[in-house]
Amino acid sequence: MYDYLREIPPGYKQEYKSLISKFIPTNDSVKYQLIIMAYKEENFIGECVESLTNQTISPDEFEVLIINNCSYEEEFDNTESVVKEKLERYKYDNIHLINIKFPKEIASAALAAKFGMDVALCRWSNCENFNDGILSYMGADNRYDNHFVSEILKAFRSPLDYGNPHQENPIGVEENRVDVLVTNMDGNIKYAHSDKIVDMGVLNPYIENVNIMNDLLGKWYYNNFDIIWGVKTDTQAHIDKNLLYRTVDGSPLWPKTFRAEVYDELGGIEIQAQEEQAIIIKAVLNNCVVRFNEMATWGTIHRLEKPRVPDGSMTQVLNDSFNAYTNKEELQVYKLDYWTMRNNIEKYFYEKTFYENWNPTFFSEKDLDKIMKASGKSYLYFKNKFIYQFQDDINKIYKKISINKVINDIKKEL
């Protein structure tokens, strides 16, 4: 089994290890474990749990681990009571609620996913090849069609029945195996603001602009930086041809369903933002066979709320877009100098050096070394501690401007 303590900060390793090992092994009949990450999900997790209690397959064949990050009293909500209420009316014992308190510095969706996947692997650790089992990690804001689990098991039992339209150069499609499975988001995306589900199709022009910017940013990264997500860009030609993209709109696709043995061999999820991207890059570099089952369907709710971690994710984009729409103004995003800074601290984390002709302005290498020492081998922990420590300086130095101006600036650079 991979070193699941590798990225855990030194001061938390022993507690994490004891938490992972305390769960009893699962039954041999269980072939699939689904990890649900939850944090302040009282308004949405009810639908999620209900959809999982209505699966058509026998509950003996799958288990659900709900990882509820209920770290601090001031952040407490009713996620636990909502889950328990739903499970009271469910007569089986294959859905488990795990309440956990992560240290605030590293509390994140990536850590919750890693923790859940580590627990699942440990529950199979006494079985040969992890019981030939399958693992997924998904969000609590999803709703699963009632044949979702059965379709996942079908794909792993009969791999050659499933192709992969999402790779330019599919890997191993003639081999009778599947290592990573793409499931199908049904396109019925809902948006939520606070506790109300609202139709926010008006945000689409903002999101389209963000996608344009991100695509250009990716090209700019590869022209200017030799480390992206800890991967050297001299492998990029191989990666580009084999990464996964939606056939409908060409946007990146990050599968979250793995053969347990393969997930273990890949070294598990990295504790960092966009951990899906990092592990899929590793999967491509290790020639994993990826397949797609369009019948394994689920829907999602995008929340319009303040992001829970700095510089986060799609949540940041949605929240900023919603505010721009409400205020009838252009979306504001960081200029290129901010992303240059971010790429430099990533390079420093991995190589202890900066890019040529770049000098830090509000922190020193001594500052970074101190943060790195506290961070162990976790880039997310390092990045978050850096941002928390220097957030005021970042806000003063790195300004946000119109996204259209940033798009034009990137085009000039390219």
Protein backbone atom coordinates (compact mmCIF):
# COMPACT_ATOMS: atom_id res chain seq x y z
CA MET A 1 0.00 0.00 0.00
CA TYR A 2 1.30 3.46 -0.86
CA ASP A 3 2.65 5.78 1.82
CA TYR A 4 -0.62 7.46 2.67
CA LEU A 5 1.15 9.59 5.29
CA ARG A 6 3.45 11.11 2.68
CA GLU A 7 1.69 14.47 2.40
CA ILE A 8 0.30 14.72 5.91
CA PRO A 9 1.95 17.54 7.92
CA PRO A 10 4.35 16.12 10.54
CA GLY A 11 2.34 17.26 13.55
CA TYR A 12 -0.81 15.52 12.34
CA LYS A 13 0.61 12.23 11.01
CA GLN A 14 0.11 10.07 14.09
CA GLU A 15 -3.47 11.21 14.62
CA TYR A 16 -4.27 10.71 10.92
CA LYS A 17 -2.75 7.21 11.00
CA SER A 18 -4.80 6.21 14.04
CA LEU A 19 -7.98 7.57 12.44
CA ILE A 20 -7.39 5.62 9.22
CA SER A 21 -6.71 2.32 10.96
CA LYS A 22 -9.66 2.31 13.37
CA PHE A 23 -12.32 1.28 10.84
CA ILE A 24 -13.25 -2.39 10.60
CA PRO A 25 -12.63 -4.32 7.35
CA THR A 26 -15.46 -4.46 4.86
CA ASN A 27 -17.17 -7.67 3.73
CA ASP A 28 -15.78 -9.68 0.82
CA SER A 29 -19.03 -9.12 -1.06
CA VAL A 30 -18.36 -5.36 -1.26
CA LYS A 31 -16.84 -4.55 -4.64
CA TYR A 32 -17.35 -0.78 -4.68
CA GLN A 33 -16.77 1.95 -2.10
CA LEU A 34 -18.00 5.48 -2.83
CA ILE A 35 -16.52 8.35 -0.83
CA ILE A 36 -18.76 11.41 -0.36
CA MET A 37 -16.99 14.56 0.88
CA ALA A 38 -19.17 16.85 2.97
CA TYR A 39 -18.63 20.22 4.59
CA LYS A 40 -21.60 22.32 5.70
CA GLU A 41 -23.89 20.42 3.32
CA GLU A 42 -27.18 20.45 5.28
CA ASN A 43 -29.08 21.98 2.36
CA PHE A 44 -27.96 19.48 -0.28
CA ILE A 45 -26.79 16.20 1.25
CA GLY A 46 -30.34 14.92 1.83
CA GLU A 47 -30.94 14.48 -1.90
CA CYS A 48 -27.51 12.89 -2.27
CA VAL A 49 -28.10 10.28 0.44
CA GLU A 50 -31.62 9.55 -0.76
CA SER A 51 -30.36 8.85 -4.26
CA LEU A 52 -27.84 6.37 -2.86
CA THR A 53 -30.47 4.56 -0.80
CA ASN A 54 -32.47 4.02 -3.99
CA GLN A 55 -29.81 2.13 -5.97
CA THR A 56 -31.11 -0.88 -7.89
CA ILE A 57 -28.15 -3.11 -7.03
CA SER A 58 -27.91 -5.18 -3.85
CA PRO A 59 -26.57 -3.12 -0.92
CA ASP A 60 -24.28 -6.07 -0.15
CA GLU A 61 -22.15 -5.11 -3.17
CA PHE A 62 -21.33 -1.49 -2.33
CA GLU A 63 -20.72 0.84 0.58
CA VAL A 64 -20.79 4.61 0.94
CA LEU A 65 -18.48 6.50 3.30
CA ILE A 66 -19.68 10.06 4.00
CA ILE A 67 -16.72 12.09 5.26
CA ASN A 68 -18.27 14.95 7.21
CA ASN A 69 -15.71 17.63 8.04
CA CYS A 70 -17.29 19.14 11.14
CA SER A 71 -14.14 20.78 12.40
CA TYR A 72 -15.22 23.76 14.48
CA GLU A 73 -18.28 24.69 16.49
CA GLU A 74 -18.63 28.07 14.80
CA GLU A 75 -18.89 26.24 11.48
CA PHE A 76 -21.29 23.59 12.75
CA ASP A 77 -24.40 22.87 10.71
CA ASN A 78 -26.99 20.11 10.50
CA THR A 79 -25.24 17.84 7.97
CA GLU A 80 -24.99 15.03 10.52
CA SER A 81 -28.64 15.18 11.59
CA VAL A 82 -29.87 15.33 7.96
CA VAL A 83 -27.84 12.22 7.08
CA LYS A 84 -29.02 10.35 10.18
CA GLU A 85 -32.64 11.24 9.47
CA LYS A 86 -32.37 9.84 5.93
CA LEU A 87 -30.66 6.67 7.14
CA GLU A 88 -33.26 6.02 9.85
CA ARG A 89 -35.72 5.10 7.10
CA TYR A 90 -33.14 2.94 5.28
CA LYS A 91 -33.12 -0.69 6.37
CA TYR A 92 -29.57 -1.58 5.22
CA ASP A 93 -26.18 -0.87 6.79
CA ASN A 94 -23.99 0.01 3.82
CA ILE A 95 -23.96 3.81 4.18
CA HIS A 96 -21.68 5.12 6.92
CA LEU A 97 -21.29 8.63 8.34
CA ILE A 98 -17.76 9.50 9.48
CA ASN A 99 -17.43 12.76 11.41
CA ILE A 100 -13.89 14.09 11.32
CA LYS A 101 -12.07 17.19 12.57
CA PHE A 102 -9.22 18.15 10.28
CA PRO A 103 -6.69 20.84 11.24
CA LYS A 104 -7.93 24.14 9.83
CA GLU A 105 -4.72 24.76 7.84
CA ILE A 106 -5.23 21.72 5.66
CA ALA A 107 -8.99 21.18 5.80
CA SER A 108 -10.06 20.86 2.16
CA ALA A 109 -12.05 18.76 -0.27
CA ALA A 110 -8.78 17.11 -1.35
CA LEU A 111 -7.95 16.03 2.21
CA ALA A 112 -11.49 14.73 2.80
CA ALA A 113 -11.26 12.74 -0.45
CA LYS A 114 -7.81 11.41 0.42
CA PHE A 115 -8.93 10.45 3.91
CA GLY A 116 -11.99 8.60 2.63
CA MET A 117 -10.04 6.78 -0.07
CA ASP A 118 -7.33 5.84 2.46
CA VAL A 119 -9.99 4.44 4.81
CA ALA A 120 -11.52 2.44 1.95
CA LEU A 121 -8.15 0.99 0.93
CA CYS A 122 -7.34 0.07 4.53
CA ARG A 123 -10.68 -1.74 4.83
CA TRP A 124 -9.55 -3.93 1.90
CA SER A 125 -5.90 -4.12 2.93
CA ASN A 126 -6.14 -7.75 4.06
CA CYS A 127 -7.59 -8.82 0.70
CA GLU A 128 -5.46 -9.81 -2.29
CA ASN A 129 -5.40 -6.98 -4.86
CA PHE A 130 -7.78 -5.02 -2.61
CA ASN A 131 -10.55 -7.53 -3.35
CA ASP A 132 -10.47 -6.41 -7.03
CA GLY A 133 -12.45 -3.48 -5.69
CA ILE A 134 -13.41 -0.11 -7.15
CA LEU A 135 -13.18 3.31 -5.51
CA SER A 136 -14.80 6.67 -6.28
CA TYR A 137 -14.82 10.03 -4.55
CA MET A 138 -17.59 12.53 -5.26
CA GLY A 139 -19.20 15.60 -3.72
CA ALA A 140 -22.22 15.79 -1.44
CA ASP A 141 -23.87 18.19 -3.89
CA ASN A 142 -24.48 15.39 -6.41
CA ARG A 143 -27.55 13.24 -7.01
CA TYR A 144 -27.06 9.74 -8.44
CA ASP A 145 -29.39 7.94 -10.82
CA ASN A 146 -30.67 4.70 -9.30
CA HIS A 147 -28.57 2.56 -11.67
CA PHE A 148 -25.35 4.51 -11.02
CA VAL A 149 -23.60 1.85 -8.91
CA SER A 150 -24.72 -1.08 -11.05
CA GLU A 151 -23.41 0.64 -14.18
CA ILE A 152 -20.01 1.22 -12.56
CA LEU A 153 -19.74 -2.47 -11.68
CA LYS A 154 -20.82 -3.45 -15.21
CA ALA A 155 -18.03 -1.39 -16.75
CA PHE A 156 -15.35 -3.01 -14.60
CA ARG A 157 -16.74 -6.52 -15.17
CA SER A 158 -17.01 -6.18 -18.97
CA PRO A 159 -14.38 -3.57 -19.98
CA LEU A 160 -14.42 -4.30 -23.71
CA ASP A 161 -18.07 -3.26 -23.89
CA TYR A 162 -17.03 0.32 -23.18
CA GLY A 163 -14.95 2.69 -25.28
CA ASN A 164 -13.41 6.06 -24.60
CA PRO A 165 -14.32 9.01 -26.82
CA HIS A 166 -12.57 11.46 -24.51
CA GLN A 167 -8.91 10.83 -25.39
CA GLU A 168 -7.27 11.91 -28.62
CA ASN A 169 -5.07 8.81 -28.44
CA PRO A 170 -6.91 6.27 -26.22
CA ILE A 171 -4.58 4.05 -24.21
CA GLY A 172 -5.08 0.28 -24.25
CA VAL A 173 -8.64 0.22 -25.62
CA GLU A 174 -8.09 -3.30 -26.94
CA GLU A 175 -7.01 -4.58 -23.53
CA ASN A 176 -9.59 -6.37 -21.41
CA ARG A 177 -9.31 -4.04 -18.45
CA VAL A 178 -10.34 -0.65 -17.11
CA ASP A 179 -8.18 1.28 -14.66
CA VAL A 180 -10.04 4.60 -14.58
CA LEU A 181 -13.72 5.10 -15.38
CA VAL A 182 -15.39 8.26 -16.66
CA THR A 183 -18.97 8.56 -15.43
CA ASN A 184 -21.56 10.80 -17.02
CA MET A 185 -22.74 14.10 -15.57
CA ASP A 186 -26.21 14.33 -17.05
CA GLY A 187 -26.02 18.01 -17.95
CA ASN A 188 -28.92 18.89 -15.66
CA ILE A 189 -26.86 21.35 -13.62
CA LYS A 190 -28.64 23.35 -10.96
CA TYR A 191 -27.29 26.39 -9.17
CA ALA A 192 -27.91 27.24 -5.55
CA HIS A 193 -27.57 30.48 -3.65
CA SER A 194 -27.76 29.96 0.11
CA ASP A 195 -30.48 27.34 0.64
CA LYS A 196 -32.45 28.07 -2.52
CA ILE A 197 -32.06 26.31 -5.86
CA VAL A 198 -32.16 28.95 -8.58
CA ASP A 199 -31.84 29.02 -12.35
CA MET A 200 -28.54 30.74 -13.02
CA GLY A 201 -28.15 30.20 -16.75
CA VAL A 202 -27.40 33.93 -16.90
CA LEU A 203 -23.91 33.06 -15.62
CA ASN A 204 -23.03 31.08 -18.74
CA PRO A 205 -21.39 34.02 -20.58
CA TYR A 206 -19.12 34.59 -17.58
CA ILE A 207 -18.24 30.89 -17.34
CA GLU A 208 -17.52 30.73 -21.07
CA ASN A 209 -15.10 33.64 -20.69
CA VAL A 210 -13.39 31.89 -17.78
CA ASN A 211 -12.99 28.74 -19.87
CA ILE A 212 -11.44 30.78 -22.69
CA MET A 213 -9.04 32.41 -20.23
CA ASN A 214 -8.09 29.08 -18.62
CA ASP A 215 -7.38 27.50 -21.99
CA LEU A 216 -5.10 30.39 -22.90
CA LEU A 217 -3.51 30.34 -19.44
CA GLY A 218 -2.68 26.66 -19.94
CA LYS A 219 -0.83 27.44 -23.17
CA TRP A 220 0.93 30.34 -21.49
CA TYR A 221 1.98 28.11 -18.57
CA TYR A 222 3.56 25.58 -20.90
CA ASN A 223 5.43 28.31 -22.76
CA ASN A 224 6.83 29.89 -19.62
CA PHE A 225 7.09 27.33 -16.81
CA ASP A 226 8.72 23.92 -16.62
CA ILE A 227 6.71 22.65 -13.65
CA ILE A 228 2.91 22.52 -13.61
CA TRP A 229 1.24 20.49 -10.83
CA GLY A 230 4.66 19.12 -10.01
CA VAL A 231 5.03 17.58 -13.48
CA LYS A 232 7.93 18.48 -15.75
CA THR A 233 6.69 19.90 -19.05
CA ASP A 234 9.13 17.81 -21.08
CA THR A 235 6.50 15.07 -20.66
CA GLN A 236 3.75 17.40 -21.84
CA ALA A 237 3.58 16.21 -25.45
CA HIS A 238 2.66 12.75 -24.21
CA ILE A 239 0.21 14.16 -21.69
CA ASP A 240 -1.58 16.49 -24.11
CA LYS A 241 -2.46 13.68 -26.49
CA ASN A 242 -3.85 11.49 -23.75
CA LEU A 243 -5.56 13.79 -21.27
CA LEU A 244 -9.33 13.66 -21.16
CA TYR A 245 -11.65 16.22 -22.69
CA ARG A 246 -15.43 16.41 -23.03
CA THR A 247 -16.45 15.72 -26.60
CA VAL A 248 -19.25 18.29 -26.37
CA ASP A 249 -17.30 21.42 -25.48
CA GLY A 250 -13.65 20.36 -25.29
CA SER A 251 -13.35 21.19 -21.58
CA PRO A 252 -11.09 19.08 -19.33
CA LEU A 253 -12.55 15.97 -17.74
CA TRP A 254 -11.36 14.62 -14.39
CA PRO A 255 -12.59 11.08 -13.66
CA LYS A 256 -12.90 10.03 -10.02
CA THR A 257 -13.48 6.27 -10.26
CA PHE A 258 -10.51 3.90 -10.04
CA ARG A 259 -9.66 0.25 -9.76
CA ALA A 260 -8.44 0.14 -6.16
CA GLU A 261 -5.15 -1.58 -7.01
CA VAL A 262 -4.36 1.06 -9.64
CA TYR A 263 -5.29 3.93 -7.32
CA ASP A 264 -2.87 2.47 -4.79
CA GLU A 265 -0.10 2.14 -7.40
CA LEU A 266 -0.59 5.77 -8.48
CA GLY A 267 0.08 6.92 -4.94
CA GLY A 268 -3.39 8.22 -4.22
CA ILE A 269 -4.72 11.76 -4.25
CA GLU A 270 -2.34 14.64 -3.70
CA ILE A 271 -3.48 17.12 -1.05
CA GLN A 272 -3.74 20.13 -3.33
CA ALA A 273 -6.27 22.17 -5.22
CA GLN A 274 -7.59 20.39 -8.34
CA GLU A 275 -6.34 17.06 -7.06
CA GLU A 276 -8.29 15.37 -9.88
CA GLN A 277 -5.96 16.92 -12.44
CA ALA A 278 -2.86 15.78 -10.59
CA ILE A 279 -3.91 12.12 -10.33
CA ILE A 280 -5.13 11.93 -13.94
CA ILE A 281 -1.76 13.24 -15.13
CA LYS A 282 -0.15 10.41 -13.13
CA ALA A 283 -2.62 7.93 -14.63
CA VAL A 284 -1.75 9.05 -18.17
CA LEU A 285 1.98 8.87 -17.48
CA ASN A 286 1.48 5.33 -16.19
CA ASN A 287 -0.52 4.24 -19.27
CA CYS A 288 -3.74 3.54 -17.40
CA VAL A 289 -6.69 2.37 -19.48
CA VAL A 290 -9.58 4.84 -19.27
CA ARG A 291 -13.12 3.98 -20.35
CA PHE A 292 -16.46 5.80 -20.40
CA ASN A 293 -19.89 4.56 -19.33
CA GLU A 294 -22.53 7.06 -20.37
CA MET A 295 -25.16 5.12 -18.39
CA ALA A 296 -23.44 5.78 -15.03
CA THR A 297 -25.18 9.13 -14.66
CA TRP A 298 -25.43 11.77 -11.96
CA GLY A 299 -26.48 15.41 -11.62
CA THR A 300 -24.94 18.22 -9.65
CA ILE A 301 -25.71 21.47 -7.85
CA HIS A 302 -23.17 24.29 -8.20
CA ARG A 303 -23.20 26.51 -5.14
CA LEU A 304 -22.92 30.27 -5.30
CA GLU A 305 -21.04 31.01 -2.12
CA LYS A 306 -17.78 32.41 -0.84
CA PRO A 307 -15.03 29.83 -1.47
CA ARG A 308 -13.89 27.88 1.55
CA VAL A 309 -10.20 28.03 0.64
CA PRO A 310 -8.29 30.97 -0.87
CA ASP A 311 -7.97 31.08 -4.67
CA GLY A 312 -10.04 27.95 -4.72
CA SER A 313 -11.79 26.38 -7.56
CA MET A 314 -14.98 26.44 -9.59
CA THR A 315 -16.69 27.84 -6.48
CA GLN A 316 -14.54 30.96 -6.75
CA VAL A 317 -15.47 31.36 -10.42
CA LEU A 318 -19.19 30.92 -9.75
CA ASN A 319 -19.18 33.30 -6.80
CA ASP A 320 -17.24 35.98 -8.68
CA SER A 321 -19.48 35.54 -11.73
CA PHE A 322 -22.62 35.82 -9.63
CA ASN A 323 -21.34 39.02 -8.01
CA ALA A 324 -20.38 40.47 -11.41
CA TYR A 325 -23.83 39.67 -12.80
CA THR A 326 -25.57 41.12 -9.73
CA ASN A 327 -23.51 44.31 -9.89
CA LYS A 328 -23.83 44.52 -13.71
CA GLU A 329 -20.07 44.67 -14.23
CA GLU A 330 -17.32 42.71 -15.96
CA LEU A 331 -15.83 39.72 -14.19
CA GLN A 332 -12.56 40.62 -12.44
CA VAL A 333 -9.65 38.15 -12.40
CA TYR A 334 -5.98 38.15 -11.44
CA LYS A 335 -3.42 39.55 -13.87
CA LEU A 336 -0.57 37.44 -15.24
CA ASP A 337 1.91 38.64 -12.64
CA TYR A 338 -0.12 36.88 -9.95
CA TRP A 339 0.09 33.55 -11.79
CA THR A 340 3.81 34.11 -12.33
CA MET A 341 4.19 34.45 -8.56
CA ARG A 342 2.15 31.30 -7.96
CA ASN A 343 4.21 29.29 -10.43
CA ASN A 344 7.39 30.53 -8.80
CA ILE A 345 6.40 29.37 -5.34
CA GLU A 346 5.42 26.00 -6.85
CA LYS A 347 8.84 25.72 -8.49
CA TYR A 348 10.46 26.64 -5.18
CA PHE A 349 8.47 23.94 -3.39
CA TYR A 350 9.59 21.26 -5.83
CA GLU A 351 13.08 22.50 -6.77
CA LYS A 352 14.13 25.11 -4.18
CA THR A 353 14.74 27.70 -6.88
CA PHE A 354 12.83 30.41 -8.77
CA TYR A 355 12.50 30.95 -12.48
CA GLU A 356 15.14 33.08 -14.16
CA ASN A 357 14.76 36.88 -13.87
CA TRP A 358 12.12 36.65 -11.14
CA ASN A 359 12.67 38.03 -7.68
CA PRO A 360 10.19 37.87 -4.78
CA THR A 361 9.00 41.25 -3.55
CA PHE A 362 7.23 40.67 -0.24
CA PHE A 363 8.69 37.42 1.09
CA SER A 364 12.12 35.79 1.23
CA GLU A 365 13.45 32.32 0.58
CA LYS A 366 13.87 32.10 4.34
CA ASP A 367 10.11 32.67 4.70
CA LEU A 368 9.37 29.89 2.23
CA ASP A 369 11.81 27.51 3.90
CA LYS A 370 10.09 28.08 7.22
CA ILE A 371 6.65 27.41 5.70
CA MET A 372 7.97 24.34 3.86
CA LYS A 373 9.34 22.88 7.08
CA ALA A 374 5.91 23.14 8.70
CA SER A 375 4.23 21.74 5.59
CA GLY A 376 6.06 18.44 5.29
CA LYS A 377 5.53 17.23 1.72
CA SER A 378 2.09 18.75 1.19
CA TYR A 379 2.02 21.40 -1.54
CA LEU A 380 -1.56 22.36 -0.60
CA TYR A 381 -0.53 22.89 3.02
CA PHE A 382 2.46 24.91 1.83
CA LYS A 383 0.42 27.01 -0.61
CA ASN A 384 -2.39 27.66 1.85
CA LYS A 385 -0.02 28.63 4.67
CA PHE A 386 1.78 30.95 2.25
CA ILE A 387 -1.48 32.60 1.17
CA TYR A 388 -2.81 32.95 4.72
CA GLN A 389 0.49 34.42 5.89
CA PHE A 390 0.80 36.91 3.05
CA GLN A 391 -2.83 37.49 2.05
CA ASP A 392 -2.71 41.21 2.88
CA ASP A 393 0.42 41.67 0.76
CA ILE A 394 -1.09 39.63 -2.07
CA ASN A 395 -4.20 41.81 -2.09
CA LYS A 396 -2.07 44.98 -2.17
CA ILE A 397 0.32 43.86 -4.90
CA TYR A 398 -1.72 41.60 -7.17
CA LYS A 399 -4.83 43.33 -8.42
CA LYS A 400 -7.77 41.93 -10.33
CA ILE A 401 -8.82 43.50 -13.62
CA SER A 402 -11.37 42.84 -16.36
CA ILE A 403 -11.22 39.27 -17.66
CA ASN A 404 -11.34 40.57 -21.24
CA LYS A 405 -8.20 42.60 -20.56
CA VAL A 406 -6.46 39.50 -19.13
CA ILE A 407 -7.51 37.41 -22.15
CA ASN A 408 -6.04 40.04 -24.50
CA ASP A 409 -2.84 40.20 -22.42
CA ILE A 410 -2.37 36.43 -22.65
CA LYS A 411 -2.97 36.49 -26.40
CA LYS A 412 -0.23 39.12 -26.74
CA GLU A 413 2.15 36.93 -24.73
CA LEU A 414 1.36 33.95 -26.94
